[in-house]
Amino acid sequence: MGPDAETVLDLEARRRIVEYVRLNPGLHLRALAEAMEIPVSTLEYHCYHLHKHGHLGVREAGGYKAFYPAEGLDRRDKDILYLVRHQAPRNICTHLLLNPG
């Protein structure tokens, strides 16, 4: 069943997740779990409910789920953050910025 909209933030763990994502937008599930020292399955459960009740945004692509604050970032911001959180696209972006033309 899970929490409803009024009780979803009653757990300290969920409030911590929302705050961590606000400060570190675009982290994918495993990186977020590692950073917060929460098992992946537990984090996924909490993030599902946080997303369902409008406290987190989620972007799924390439087999990854990335998490964002529910408000304040548009799709372009999320796309950019998603790319720079991965090593290969980050290297390409860095190269292009350092070597224009």
PDB file of N, CA and C in Angstrom:
ATOM      1  N   MET A   1       0.820  -1.188   0.000  1.00  0.00           N
ATOM      2  CA  MET A   1       0.000   0.000   0.000  1.00  0.00           C
ATOM      3  C   MET A   1       0.865   1.254   0.000  1.00  0.00           C
ATOM      4  N   GLY A   2       1.674   1.473   1.009  1.00  0.00           N
ATOM      5  CA  GLY A   2       2.568   2.609   1.049  1.00  0.00           C
ATOM      6  C   GLY A   2       1.938   3.854   1.644  1.00  0.00           C
ATOM      7  N   PRO A   3       2.749   4.882   1.764  1.00  0.00           N
ATOM      8  CA  PRO A   3       2.292   6.126   2.378  1.00  0.00           C
ATOM      9  C   PRO A   3       1.375   6.915   1.455  1.00  0.00           C
ATOM     10  N   ASP A   4       0.571   7.777   2.052  1.00  0.00           N
ATOM     11  CA  ASP A   4      -0.248   8.666   1.236  1.00  0.00           C
ATOM     12  C   ASP A   4       0.446  10.024   1.146  1.00  0.00           C
ATOM     13  N   ALA A   5      -0.140  10.939   0.428  1.00  0.00           N
ATOM     14  CA  ALA A   5       0.478  12.245   0.183  1.00  0.00           C
ATOM     15  C   ALA A   5       0.770  13.007   1.476  1.00  0.00           C
ATOM     16  N   GLU A   6      -0.085  12.840   2.485  1.00  0.00           N
ATOM     17  CA  GLU A   6       0.091  13.573   3.735  1.00  0.00           C
ATOM     18  C   GLU A   6       1.195  12.997   4.619  1.00  0.00           C
ATOM     19  N   THR A   7       1.493  11.707   4.459  1.00  0.00           N
ATOM     20  CA  THR A   7       2.460  11.064   5.358  1.00  0.00           C
ATOM     21  C   THR A   7       3.774  10.683   4.686  1.00  0.00           C
ATOM     22  N   VAL A   8       3.896  10.926   3.403  1.00  0.00           N
ATOM     23  CA  VAL A   8       5.086  10.457   2.689  1.00  0.00           C
ATOM     24  C   VAL A   8       6.377  11.058   3.248  1.00  0.00           C
ATOM     25  N   LEU A   9       6.336  12.274   3.761  1.00  0.00           N
ATOM     26  CA  LEU A   9       7.543  12.898   4.308  1.00  0.00           C
ATOM     27  C   LEU A   9       7.666  12.735   5.821  1.00  0.00           C
ATOM     28  N   ASP A  10       6.850  11.871   6.405  1.00  0.00           N
ATOM     29  CA  ASP A  10       6.949  11.641   7.846  1.00  0.00           C
ATOM     30  C   ASP A  10       8.253  10.949   8.231  1.00  0.00           C
ATOM     31  N   LEU A  11       8.796  10.143   7.335  1.00  0.00           N
ATOM     32  CA  LEU A  11      10.049   9.441   7.630  1.00  0.00           C
ATOM     33  C   LEU A  11      11.253  10.350   7.393  1.00  0.00           C
ATOM     34  N   GLU A  12      12.143  10.363   8.357  1.00  0.00           N
ATOM     35  CA  GLU A  12      13.371  11.148   8.248  1.00  0.00           C
ATOM     36  C   GLU A  12      14.168  10.733   7.008  1.00  0.00           C
ATOM     37  N   ALA A  13      14.210   9.439   6.708  1.00  0.00           N
ATOM     38  CA  ALA A  13      14.961   8.962   5.544  1.00  0.00           C
ATOM     39  C   ALA A  13      14.454   9.608   4.262  1.00  0.00           C
ATOM     40  N   ARG A  14      13.155   9.742   4.115  1.00  0.00           N
ATOM     41  CA  ARG A  14      12.605  10.353   2.902  1.00  0.00           C
ATOM     42  C   ARG A  14      12.916  11.838   2.840  1.00  0.00           C
ATOM     43  N   ARG A  15      12.876  12.517   3.961  1.00  0.00           N
ATOM     44  CA  ARG A  15      13.238  13.941   3.975  1.00  0.00           C
ATOM     45  C   ARG A  15      14.714  14.105   3.598  1.00  0.00           C
ATOM     46  N   ARG A  16      15.568  13.200   4.085  1.00  0.00           N
ATOM     47  CA  ARG A  16      16.994  13.242   3.733  1.00  0.00           C
ATOM     48  C   ARG A  16      17.203  13.011   2.239  1.00  0.00           C
ATOM     49  N   ILE A  17      16.457  12.083   1.663  1.00  0.00           N
ATOM     50  CA  ILE A  17      16.579  11.799   0.233  1.00  0.00           C
ATOM     51  C   ILE A  17      16.200  13.036  -0.581  1.00  0.00           C
ATOM     52  N   VAL A  18      15.082  13.657  -0.246  1.00  0.00           N
ATOM     53  CA  VAL A  18      14.635  14.858  -0.974  1.00  0.00           C
ATOM     54  C   VAL A  18      15.695  15.957  -0.875  1.00  0.00           C
ATOM     55  N   GLU A  19      16.238  16.162   0.302  1.00  0.00           N
ATOM     56  CA  GLU A  19      17.255  17.205   0.491  1.00  0.00           C
ATOM     57  C   GLU A  19      18.537  16.861  -0.268  1.00  0.00           C
ATOM     58  N   TYR A  20      18.955  15.607  -0.228  1.00  0.00           N
ATOM     59  CA  TYR A  20      20.179  15.212  -0.924  1.00  0.00           C
ATOM     60  C   TYR A  20      20.025  15.387  -2.428  1.00  0.00           C
ATOM     61  N   VAL A  21      18.880  15.019  -2.953  1.00  0.00           N
ATOM     62  CA  VAL A  21      18.628  15.187  -4.391  1.00  0.00           C
ATOM     63  C   VAL A  21      18.568  16.672  -4.750  1.00  0.00           C
ATOM     64  N   ARG A  22      18.007  17.479  -3.872  1.00  0.00           N
ATOM     65  CA  ARG A  22      17.973  18.930  -4.127  1.00  0.00           C
ATOM     66  C   ARG A  22      19.388  19.486  -4.256  1.00  0.00           C
ATOM     67  N   LEU A  23      20.295  18.994  -3.426  1.00  0.00           N
ATOM     68  CA  LEU A  23      21.681  19.470  -3.448  1.00  0.00           C
ATOM     69  C   LEU A  23      22.536  18.793  -4.510  1.00  0.00           C
ATOM     70  N   ASN A  24      22.098  17.621  -4.985  1.00  0.00           N
ATOM     71  CA  ASN A  24      22.875  16.829  -5.956  1.00  0.00           C
ATOM     72  C   ASN A  24      21.959  16.300  -7.059  1.00  0.00           C
ATOM     73  N   PRO A  25      21.354  17.169  -7.828  1.00  0.00           N
ATOM     74  CA  PRO A  25      20.402  16.700  -8.844  1.00  0.00           C
ATOM     75  C   PRO A  25      21.080  15.889  -9.937  1.00  0.00           C
ATOM     76  N   GLY A  26      20.335  14.903 -10.442  1.00  0.00           N
ATOM     77  CA  GLY A  26      20.814  14.120 -11.574  1.00  0.00           C
ATOM     78  C   GLY A  26      21.552  12.848 -11.221  1.00  0.00           C
ATOM     79  N   LEU A  27      21.671  12.540  -9.939  1.00  0.00           N
ATOM     80  CA  LEU A  27      22.330  11.289  -9.565  1.00  0.00           C
ATOM     81  C   LEU A  27      21.451  10.108  -9.948  1.00  0.00           C
ATOM     82  N   HIS A  28      22.093   9.060 -10.454  1.00  0.00           N
ATOM     83  CA  HIS A  28      21.304   7.876 -10.757  1.00  0.00           C
ATOM     84  C   HIS A  28      21.178   7.022  -9.496  1.00  0.00           C
ATOM     85  N   LEU A  29      20.280   6.072  -9.549  1.00  0.00           N
ATOM     86  CA  LEU A  29      19.872   5.313  -8.375  1.00  0.00           C
ATOM     87  C   LEU A  29      21.051   4.723  -7.601  1.00  0.00           C
ATOM     88  N   ARG A  30      21.950   4.049  -8.280  1.00  0.00           N
ATOM     89  CA  ARG A  30      23.066   3.396  -7.578  1.00  0.00           C
ATOM     90  C   ARG A  30      24.014   4.416  -6.950  1.00  0.00           C
ATOM     91  N   ALA A  31      24.280   5.496  -7.658  1.00  0.00           N
ATOM     92  CA  ALA A  31      25.156   6.529  -7.099  1.00  0.00           C
ATOM     93  C   ALA A  31      24.510   7.186  -5.881  1.00  0.00           C
ATOM     94  N   LEU A  32      23.216   7.418  -5.961  1.00  0.00           N
ATOM     95  CA  LEU A  32      22.492   7.998  -4.835  1.00  0.00           C
ATOM     96  C   LEU A  32      22.500   7.038  -3.644  1.00  0.00           C
ATOM     97  N   ALA A  33      22.263   5.764  -3.904  1.00  0.00           N
ATOM     98  CA  ALA A  33      22.277   4.761  -2.834  1.00  0.00           C
ATOM     99  C   ALA A  33      23.651   4.693  -2.170  1.00  0.00           C
ATOM    100  N   GLU A  34      24.689   4.721  -2.975  1.00  0.00           N
ATOM    101  CA  GLU A  34      26.048   4.674  -2.440  1.00  0.00           C
ATOM    102  C   GLU A  34      26.358   5.918  -1.614  1.00  0.00           C
ATOM    103  N   ALA A  35      26.015   7.080  -2.140  1.00  0.00           N
ATOM    104  CA  ALA A  35      26.299   8.335  -1.445  1.00  0.00           C
ATOM    105  C   ALA A  35      25.549   8.434  -0.117  1.00  0.00           C
ATOM    106  N   MET A  36      24.325   7.917  -0.092  1.00  0.00           N
ATOM    107  CA  MET A  36      23.508   8.019   1.113  1.00  0.00           C
ATOM    108  C   MET A  36      23.630   6.798   2.024  1.00  0.00           C
ATOM    109  N   GLU A  37      24.386   5.787   1.547  1.00  0.00           N
ATOM    110  CA  GLU A  37      24.578   4.550   2.297  1.00  0.00           C
ATOM    111  C   GLU A  37      23.239   3.886   2.643  1.00  0.00           C
ATOM    112  N   ILE A  38      22.394   3.768   1.605  1.00  0.00           N
ATOM    113  CA  ILE A  38      21.089   3.126   1.708  1.00  0.00           C
ATOM    114  C   ILE A  38      21.070   2.003   0.676  1.00  0.00           C
ATOM    115  N   PRO A  39      20.608   0.811   1.032  1.00  0.00           N
ATOM    116  CA  PRO A  39      20.513  -0.260   0.028  1.00  0.00           C
ATOM    117  C   PRO A  39      19.671   0.192  -1.171  1.00  0.00           C
ATOM    118  N   VAL A  40      20.067  -0.236  -2.356  1.00  0.00           N
ATOM    119  CA  VAL A  40      19.394   0.180  -3.587  1.00  0.00           C
ATOM    120  C   VAL A  40      17.899  -0.114  -3.539  1.00  0.00           C
ATOM    121  N   SER A  41      17.530  -1.306  -3.094  1.00  0.00           N
ATOM    122  CA  SER A  41      16.110  -1.661  -3.080  1.00  0.00           C
ATOM    123  C   SER A  41      15.312  -0.770  -2.129  1.00  0.00           C
ATOM    124  N   THR A  42      15.885  -0.429  -0.991  1.00  0.00           N
ATOM    125  CA  THR A  42      15.220   0.457  -0.029  1.00  0.00           C
ATOM    126  C   THR A  42      15.077   1.857  -0.613  1.00  0.00           C
ATOM    127  N   LEU A  43      16.150   2.348  -1.221  1.00  0.00           N
ATOM    128  CA  LEU A  43      16.110   3.674  -1.831  1.00  0.00           C
ATOM    129  C   LEU A  43      15.087   3.721  -2.959  1.00  0.00           C
ATOM    130  N   GLU A  44      15.052   2.681  -3.776  1.00  0.00           N
ATOM    131  CA  GLU A  44      14.104   2.647  -4.881  1.00  0.00           C
ATOM    132  C   GLU A  44      12.663   2.708  -4.368  1.00  0.00           C
ATOM    133  N   TYR A  45      12.389   1.999  -3.294  1.00  0.00           N
ATOM    134  CA  TYR A  45      11.060   2.021  -2.688  1.00  0.00           C
ATOM    135  C   TYR A  45      10.698   3.439  -2.243  1.00  0.00           C
ATOM    136  N   HIS A  46      11.598   4.091  -1.512  1.00  0.00           N
ATOM    137  CA  HIS A  46      11.325   5.442  -1.027  1.00  0.00           C
ATOM    138  C   HIS A  46      11.187   6.434  -2.192  1.00  0.00           C
ATOM    139  N   CYS A  47      12.061   6.322  -3.176  1.00  0.00           N
ATOM    140  CA  CYS A  47      12.016   7.242  -4.321  1.00  0.00           C
ATOM    141  C   CYS A  47      10.733   7.063  -5.125  1.00  0.00           C
ATOM    142  N   TYR A  48      10.265   5.839  -5.224  1.00  0.00           N
ATOM    143  CA  TYR A  48       8.996   5.596  -5.921  1.00  0.00           C
ATOM    144  C   TYR A  48       7.883   6.409  -5.268  1.00  0.00           C
ATOM    145  N   HIS A  49       7.787   6.337  -3.961  1.00  0.00           N
ATOM    146  CA  HIS A  49       6.725   7.056  -3.256  1.00  0.00           C
ATOM    147  C   HIS A  49       6.950   8.567  -3.289  1.00  0.00           C
ATOM    148  N   LEU A  50       8.188   8.994  -3.202  1.00  0.00           N
ATOM    149  CA  LEU A  50       8.476  10.433  -3.282  1.00  0.00           C
ATOM    150  C   LEU A  50       8.105  10.982  -4.657  1.00  0.00           C
ATOM    151  N   HIS A  51       8.380  10.217  -5.692  1.00  0.00           N
ATOM    152  CA  HIS A  51       8.013  10.633  -7.050  1.00  0.00           C
ATOM    153  C   HIS A  51       6.489  10.611  -7.223  1.00  0.00           C
ATOM    154  N   LYS A  52       5.868   9.558  -6.760  1.00  0.00           N
ATOM    155  CA  LYS A  52       4.418   9.397  -6.875  1.00  0.00           C
ATOM    156  C   LYS A  52       3.667  10.566  -6.241  1.00  0.00           C
ATOM    157  N   HIS A  53       4.210  11.092  -5.151  1.00  0.00           N
ATOM    158  CA  HIS A  53       3.536  12.176  -4.435  1.00  0.00           C
ATOM    159  C   HIS A  53       4.140  13.548  -4.720  1.00  0.00           C
ATOM    160  N   GLY A  54       4.945  13.634  -5.792  1.00  0.00           N
ATOM    161  CA  GLY A  54       5.401  14.931  -6.285  1.00  0.00           C
ATOM    162  C   GLY A  54       6.586  15.564  -5.592  1.00  0.00           C
ATOM    163  N   HIS A  55       7.394  14.776  -4.877  1.00  0.00           N
ATOM    164  CA  HIS A  55       8.553  15.340  -4.184  1.00  0.00           C
ATOM    165  C   HIS A  55       9.859  15.131  -4.936  1.00  0.00           C
ATOM    166  N   LEU A  56       9.862  14.235  -5.929  1.00  0.00           N
ATOM    167  CA  LEU A  56      11.045  13.992  -6.755  1.00  0.00           C
ATOM    168  C   LEU A  56      10.634  13.898  -8.213  1.00  0.00           C
ATOM    169  N   GLY A  57      11.536  14.326  -9.081  1.00  0.00           N
ATOM    170  CA  GLY A  57      11.390  14.094 -10.502  1.00  0.00           C
ATOM    171  C   GLY A  57      12.302  12.943 -10.887  1.00  0.00           C
ATOM    172  N   VAL A  58      11.914  12.178 -11.889  1.00  0.00           N
ATOM    173  CA  VAL A  58      12.693  11.019 -12.329  1.00  0.00           C
ATOM    174  C   VAL A  58      12.863  11.092 -13.841  1.00  0.00           C
ATOM    175  N   ARG A  59      14.061  10.750 -14.298  1.00  0.00           N
ATOM    176  CA  ARG A  59      14.334  10.635 -15.737  1.00  0.00           C
ATOM    177  C   ARG A  59      14.933   9.260 -15.951  1.00  0.00           C
ATOM    178  N   GLU A  60      14.336   8.481 -16.839  1.00  0.00           N
ATOM    179  CA  GLU A  60      14.838   7.146 -17.138  1.00  0.00           C
ATOM    180  C   GLU A  60      15.352   7.116 -18.568  1.00  0.00           C
ATOM    181  N   ALA A  61      16.593   6.653 -18.724  1.00  0.00           N
ATOM    182  CA  ALA A  61      17.185   6.519 -20.054  1.00  0.00           C
ATOM    183  C   ALA A  61      18.410   5.620 -19.949  1.00  0.00           C
ATOM    184  N   GLY A  62      18.620   4.845 -20.963  1.00  0.00           N
ATOM    185  CA  GLY A  62      19.813   4.006 -21.016  1.00  0.00           C
ATOM    186  C   GLY A  62      19.930   3.034 -19.853  1.00  0.00           C
ATOM    187  N   GLY A  63      18.814   2.607 -19.308  1.00  0.00           N
ATOM    188  CA  GLY A  63      18.850   1.668 -18.201  1.00  0.00           C
ATOM    189  C   GLY A  63      19.105   2.305 -16.848  1.00  0.00           C
ATOM    190  N   TYR A  64      19.131   3.621 -16.784  1.00  0.00           N
ATOM    191  CA  TYR A  64      19.379   4.334 -15.540  1.00  0.00           C
ATOM    192  C   TYR A  64      18.167   5.165 -15.151  1.00  0.00           C
ATOM    193  N   LYS A  65      17.947   5.277 -13.848  1.00  0.00           N
ATOM    194  CA  LYS A  65      16.980   6.223 -13.310  1.00  0.00           C
ATOM    195  C   LYS A  65      17.779   7.319 -12.642  1.00  0.00           C
ATOM    196  N   ALA A  66      17.518   8.558 -13.017  1.00  0.00           N
ATOM    197  CA  ALA A  66      18.173   9.692 -12.382  1.00  0.00           C
ATOM    198  C   ALA A  66      17.110  10.507 -11.668  1.00  0.00           C
ATOM    199  N   PHE A  67      17.473  11.077 -10.534  1.00  0.00           N
ATOM    200  CA  PHE A  67      16.519  11.787  -9.697  1.00  0.00           C
ATOM    201  C   PHE A  67      16.834  13.272  -9.619  1.00  0.00           C
ATOM    202  N   TYR A  68      15.774  14.057  -9.581  1.00  0.00           N
ATOM    203  CA  TYR A  68      15.861  15.516  -9.592  1.00  0.00           C
ATOM    204  C   TYR A  68      14.858  16.091  -8.601  1.00  0.00           C
ATOM    205  N   PRO A  69      15.087  17.331  -8.170  1.00  0.00           N
ATOM    206  CA  PRO A  69      14.053  17.989  -7.367  1.00  0.00           C
ATOM    207  C   PRO A  69      12.773  18.081  -8.192  1.00  0.00           C
ATOM    208  N   ALA A  70      11.655  18.037  -7.536  1.00  0.00           N
ATOM    209  CA  ALA A  70      10.371  18.066  -8.244  1.00  0.00           C
ATOM    210  C   ALA A  70      10.160  19.388  -8.976  1.00  0.00           C
ATOM    211  N   GLU A  71      10.736  20.454  -8.471  1.00  0.00           N
ATOM    212  CA  GLU A  71      10.555  21.773  -9.087  1.00  0.00           C
ATOM    213  C   GLU A  71      11.897  22.459  -9.266  1.00  0.00           C
ATOM    214  N   GLY A  72      11.930  23.400 -10.194  1.00  0.00           N
ATOM    215  CA  GLY A  72      13.103  24.246 -10.355  1.00  0.00           C
ATOM    216  C   GLY A  72      14.009  23.902 -11.521  1.00  0.00           C
ATOM    217  N   LEU A  73      13.839  22.726 -12.114  1.00  0.00           N
ATOM    218  CA  LEU A  73      14.657  22.348 -13.259  1.00  0.00           C
ATOM    219  C   LEU A  73      13.747  22.022 -14.431  1.00  0.00           C
ATOM    220  N   ASP A  74      14.077  22.584 -15.592  1.00  0.00           N
ATOM    221  CA  ASP A  74      13.284  22.228 -16.772  1.00  0.00           C
ATOM    222  C   ASP A  74      13.924  21.009 -17.450  1.00  0.00           C
ATOM    223  N   ARG A  75      13.312  20.558 -18.514  1.00  0.00           N
ATOM    224  CA  ARG A  75      13.797  19.345 -19.185  1.00  0.00           C
ATOM    225  C   ARG A  75      15.230  19.512 -19.687  1.00  0.00           C
ATOM    226  N   ARG A  76      15.547  20.674 -20.215  1.00  0.00           N
ATOM    227  CA  ARG A  76      16.911  20.918 -20.723  1.00  0.00           C
ATOM    228  C   ARG A  76      17.939  20.801 -19.598  1.00  0.00           C
ATOM    229  N   ASP A  77      17.640  21.385 -18.438  1.00  0.00           N
ATOM    230  CA  ASP A  77      18.540  21.280 -17.292  1.00  0.00           C
ATOM    231  C   ASP A  77      18.739  19.817 -16.897  1.00  0.00           C
ATOM    232  N   LYS A  78      17.659  19.059 -16.875  1.00  0.00           N
ATOM    233  CA  LYS A  78      17.743  17.646 -16.512  1.00  0.00           C
ATOM    234  C   LYS A  78      18.564  16.868 -17.526  1.00  0.00           C
ATOM    235  N   ASP A  79      18.386  17.175 -18.815  1.00  0.00           N
ATOM    236  CA  ASP A  79      19.162  16.497 -19.857  1.00  0.00           C
ATOM    237  C   ASP A  79      20.650  16.780 -19.699  1.00  0.00           C
ATOM    238  N   ILE A  80      20.993  18.022 -19.430  1.00  0.00           N
ATOM    239  CA  ILE A  80      22.405  18.392 -19.257  1.00  0.00           C
ATOM    240  C   ILE A  80      22.992  17.709 -18.033  1.00  0.00           C
ATOM    241  N   LEU A  81      22.287  17.773 -16.916  1.00  0.00           N
ATOM    242  CA  LEU A  81      22.779  17.115 -15.704  1.00  0.00           C
ATOM    243  C   LEU A  81      22.917  15.613 -15.901  1.00  0.00           C
ATOM    244  N   TYR A  82      21.979  15.027 -16.594  1.00  0.00           N
ATOM    245  CA  TYR A  82      22.041  13.589 -16.852  1.00  0.00           C
ATOM    246  C   TYR A  82      23.312  13.246 -17.627  1.00  0.00           C
ATOM    247  N   LEU A  83      23.623  14.049 -18.624  1.00  0.00           N
ATOM    248  CA  LEU A  83      24.806  13.781 -19.437  1.00  0.00           C
ATOM    249  C   LEU A  83      26.102  13.970 -18.663  1.00  0.00           C
ATOM    250  N   VAL A  84      26.213  15.044 -17.922  1.00  0.00           N
ATOM    251  CA  VAL A  84      27.486  15.306 -17.245  1.00  0.00           C
ATOM    252  C   VAL A  84      27.716  14.409 -16.031  1.00  0.00           C
ATOM    253  N   ARG A  85      26.705  13.683 -15.605  1.00  0.00           N
ATOM    254  CA  ARG A  85      26.880  12.718 -14.517  1.00  0.00           C
ATOM    255  C   ARG A  85      27.514  11.416 -15.021  1.00  0.00           C
ATOM    256  N   HIS A  86      27.596  11.232 -16.333  1.00  0.00           N
ATOM    257  CA  HIS A  86      28.203  10.037 -16.919  1.00  0.00           C
ATOM    258  C   HIS A  86      29.558  10.411 -17.519  1.00  0.00           C
ATOM    259  N   GLN A  87      30.543   9.577 -17.301  1.00  0.00           N
ATOM    260  CA  GLN A  87      31.937   9.880 -17.660  1.00  0.00           C
ATOM    261  C   GLN A  87      32.143  10.175 -19.146  1.00  0.00           C
ATOM    262  N   ALA A  88      31.679   9.327 -20.040  1.00  0.00           N
ATOM    263  CA  ALA A  88      31.951   9.527 -21.471  1.00  0.00           C
ATOM    264  C   ALA A  88      31.335  10.829 -21.993  1.00  0.00           C
ATOM    265  N   PRO A  89      30.050  11.098 -21.764  1.00  0.00           N
ATOM    266  CA  PRO A  89      29.499  12.376 -22.236  1.00  0.00           C
ATOM    267  C   PRO A  89      30.178  13.572 -21.570  1.00  0.00           C
ATOM    268  N   ARG A  90      30.566  13.422 -20.298  1.00  0.00           N
ATOM    269  CA  ARG A  90      31.262  14.510 -19.606  1.00  0.00           C
ATOM    270  C   ARG A  90      32.599  14.795 -20.278  1.00  0.00           C
ATOM    271  N   ASN A  91      33.315  13.747 -20.670  1.00  0.00           N
ATOM    272  CA  ASN A  91      34.596  13.934 -21.363  1.00  0.00           C
ATOM    273  C   ASN A  91      34.399  14.638 -22.696  1.00  0.00           C
ATOM    274  N   ILE A  92      33.368  14.257 -23.419  1.00  0.00           N
ATOM    275  CA  ILE A  92      33.087  14.904 -24.714  1.00  0.00           C
ATOM    276  C   ILE A  92      32.754  16.377 -24.519  1.00  0.00           C
ATOM    277  N   CYS A  93      31.894  16.673 -23.562  1.00  0.00           N
ATOM    278  CA  CYS A  93      31.516  18.068 -23.289  1.00  0.00           C
ATOM    279  C   CYS A  93      32.730  18.895 -22.871  1.00  0.00           C
ATOM    280  N   THR A  94      33.566  18.328 -22.030  1.00  0.00           N
ATOM    281  CA  THR A  94      34.772  19.021 -21.590  1.00  0.00           C
ATOM    282  C   THR A  94      35.700  19.300 -22.763  1.00  0.00           C
ATOM    283  N   HIS A  95      35.886  18.303 -23.612  1.00  0.00           N
ATOM    284  CA  HIS A  95      36.735  18.485 -24.793  1.00  0.00           C
ATOM    285  C   HIS A  95      36.194  19.593 -25.697  1.00  0.00           C
ATOM    286  N   LEU A  96      34.888  19.589 -25.939  1.00  0.00           N
ATOM    287  CA  LEU A  96      34.293  20.604 -26.808  1.00  0.00           C
ATOM    288  C   LEU A  96      34.410  21.995 -26.191  1.00  0.00           C
ATOM    289  N   LEU A  97      34.253  22.093 -24.892  1.00  0.00           N
ATOM    290  CA  LEU A  97      34.375  23.403 -24.242  1.00  0.00           C
ATOM    291  C   LEU A  97      35.806  23.925 -24.295  1.00  0.00           C
ATOM    292  N   LEU A  98      36.762  23.017 -24.131  1.00  0.00           N
ATOM    293  CA  LEU A  98      38.174  23.421 -24.125  1.00  0.00           C
ATOM    294  C   LEU A  98      38.764  23.575 -25.526  1.00  0.00           C
ATOM    295  N   ASN A  99      38.096  23.028 -26.520  1.00  0.00           N
ATOM    296  CA  ASN A  99      38.588  23.069 -27.890  1.00  0.00           C
ATOM    297  C   ASN A  99      37.494  23.528 -28.836  1.00  0.00           C
ATOM    298  N   PRO A 100      37.084  24.789 -28.745  1.00  0.00           N
ATOM    299  CA  PRO A 100      36.002  25.257 -29.608  1.00  0.00           C
ATOM    300  C   PRO A 100      36.390  25.203 -31.083  1.00  0.00           C
ATOM    301  N   GLY A 101      35.377  24.983 -31.911  1.00  0.00           N
ATOM    302  CA  GLY A 101      35.600  24.974 -33.356  1.00  0.00           C
ATOM    303  C   GLY A 101      36.063  23.626 -33.818  1.00  0.00           C
TER     304      GLY A 101
END
